[in-house]
C-alpha atoms as a PDB file:
ATOM      1  CA  UNK A   1     -19.508 -18.720-108.381  1.00  0.00           C
ATOM      2  CA  UNK A   2     -19.588 -14.956-108.384  1.00  0.00           C
ATOM      3  CA  UNK A   3     -19.636 -13.023-105.163  1.00  0.00           C
ATOM      4  CA  UNK A   4     -22.798 -11.126-106.130  1.00  0.00           C
ATOM      5  CA  UNK A   5     -24.957 -13.970-107.380  1.00  0.00           C
ATOM      6  CA  UNK A   6     -28.313 -12.262-107.528  1.00  0.00           C
ATOM      7  CA  UNK A   7     -30.799 -11.896-110.318  1.00  0.00           C
ATOM      8  CA  UNK A   8     -29.427  -8.664-111.795  1.00  0.00           C
ATOM      9  CA  UNK A   9     -29.289 -10.215-115.260  1.00  0.00           C
ATOM     10  CA  UNK A  10     -32.684 -11.881-114.990  1.00  0.00           C
ATOM     11  CA  UNK A  11     -34.918 -11.743-118.069  1.00  0.00           C
ATOM     12  CA  UNK A  12     -38.248 -13.368-118.810  1.00  0.00           C
ATOM     13  CA  UNK A  13     -41.665 -13.363-117.252  1.00  0.00           C
ATOM     14  CA  UNK A  14     -41.966 -12.048-113.713  1.00  0.00           C
ATOM     15  CA  UNK A  15     -42.143 -14.563-110.877  1.00  0.00           C
ATOM     16  CA  UNK A  16     -45.430 -15.286-109.148  1.00  0.00           C
ATOM     17  CA  UNK A  17     -46.789 -12.539-106.967  1.00  0.00           C
ATOM     18  CA  UNK A  18     -45.631  -9.716-109.206  1.00  0.00           C
ATOM     19  CA  UNK A  19     -48.190  -7.596-110.995  1.00  0.00           C
ATOM     20  CA  UNK A  20     -47.510  -5.838-114.262  1.00  0.00           C
ATOM     21  CA  UNK A  21     -47.964  -2.093-114.446  1.00  0.00           C
ATOM     22  CA  UNK A  22     -51.328  -2.409-116.186  1.00  0.00           C
ATOM     23  CA  UNK A  23     -52.732  -4.571-113.365  1.00  0.00           C
ATOM     24  CA  UNK A  24     -51.337  -2.440-110.560  1.00  0.00           C
ATOM     25  CA  UNK A  25     -53.698  -0.427-108.355  1.00  0.00           C
ATOM     26  CA  UNK A  26     -51.793   2.510-106.818  1.00  0.00           C
ATOM     27  CA  UNK A  27     -54.782   3.595-104.748  1.00  0.00           C
ATOM     28  CA  UNK A  28     -54.965   0.254-102.931  1.00  0.00           C
ATOM     29  CA  UNK A  29     -52.874   1.370 -99.980  1.00  0.00           C
ATOM     30  CA  UNK A  30     -54.720   4.678 -99.723  1.00  0.00           C
ATOM     31  CA  UNK A  31     -57.989   2.801 -99.171  1.00  0.00           C
ATOM     32  CA  UNK A  32     -56.610   0.774 -96.255  1.00  0.00           C
ATOM     33  CA  UNK A  33     -57.580   1.967 -92.786  1.00  0.00           C
ATOM     34  CA  UNK A  34     -55.803  -0.272 -90.237  1.00  0.00           C
ATOM     35  CA  UNK A  35     -53.424   2.494 -89.161  1.00  0.00           C
ATOM     36  CA  UNK A  36     -56.219   4.911 -88.302  1.00  0.00           C
ATOM     37  CA  UNK A  37     -58.154   2.199 -86.458  1.00  0.00           C
ATOM     38  CA  UNK A  38     -55.060   1.220 -84.478  1.00  0.00           C
ATOM     39  CA  UNK A  39     -54.316   4.864 -83.666  1.00  0.00           C
ATOM     40  CA  UNK A  40     -57.877   5.359 -82.422  1.00  0.00           C
ATOM     41  CA  UNK A  41     -57.537   2.258 -80.250  1.00  0.00           C
ATOM     42  CA  UNK A  42     -54.276   3.467 -78.742  1.00  0.00           C
ATOM     43  CA  UNK A  43     -55.777   6.895 -77.989  1.00  0.00           C
ATOM     44  CA  UNK A  44     -58.778   5.217 -76.355  1.00  0.00           C
ATOM     45  CA  UNK A  45     -56.518   3.076 -74.158  1.00  0.00           C
ATOM     46  CA  UNK A  46     -54.481   6.143 -73.127  1.00  0.00           C
ATOM     47  CA  UNK A  47     -57.660   8.034 -72.201  1.00  0.00           C
ATOM     48  CA  UNK A  48     -58.890   5.093 -70.107  1.00  0.00           C
ATOM     49  CA  UNK A  49     -55.535   4.797 -68.330  1.00  0.00           C
ATOM     50  CA  UNK A  50     -55.524   8.535 -67.544  1.00  0.00           C
ATOM     51  CA  UNK A  51     -59.097   8.379 -66.195  1.00  0.00           C
ATOM     52  CA  UNK A  52     -58.259   5.369 -64.016  1.00  0.00           C
ATOM     53  CA  UNK A  53     -55.108   7.104 -62.723  1.00  0.00           C
ATOM     54  CA  UNK A  54     -57.016  10.296 -61.854  1.00  0.00           C
ATOM     55  CA  UNK A  55     -59.858   8.459 -60.086  1.00  0.00           C
ATOM     56  CA  UNK A  56     -57.537   6.481 -57.795  1.00  0.00           C
END
């Protein structure tokens, strides 16, 4: 068995879960908004913590 036994020499149809270039949608990740929603939530929590700290 070779030391580097990976699929470097693999040929054939792609395994499941892989999309060909014609089916790919490069804008998919640009349309996702979870990072901005999470960032807004973190900022909101920080503001609440600062207000609670100032009031006490």
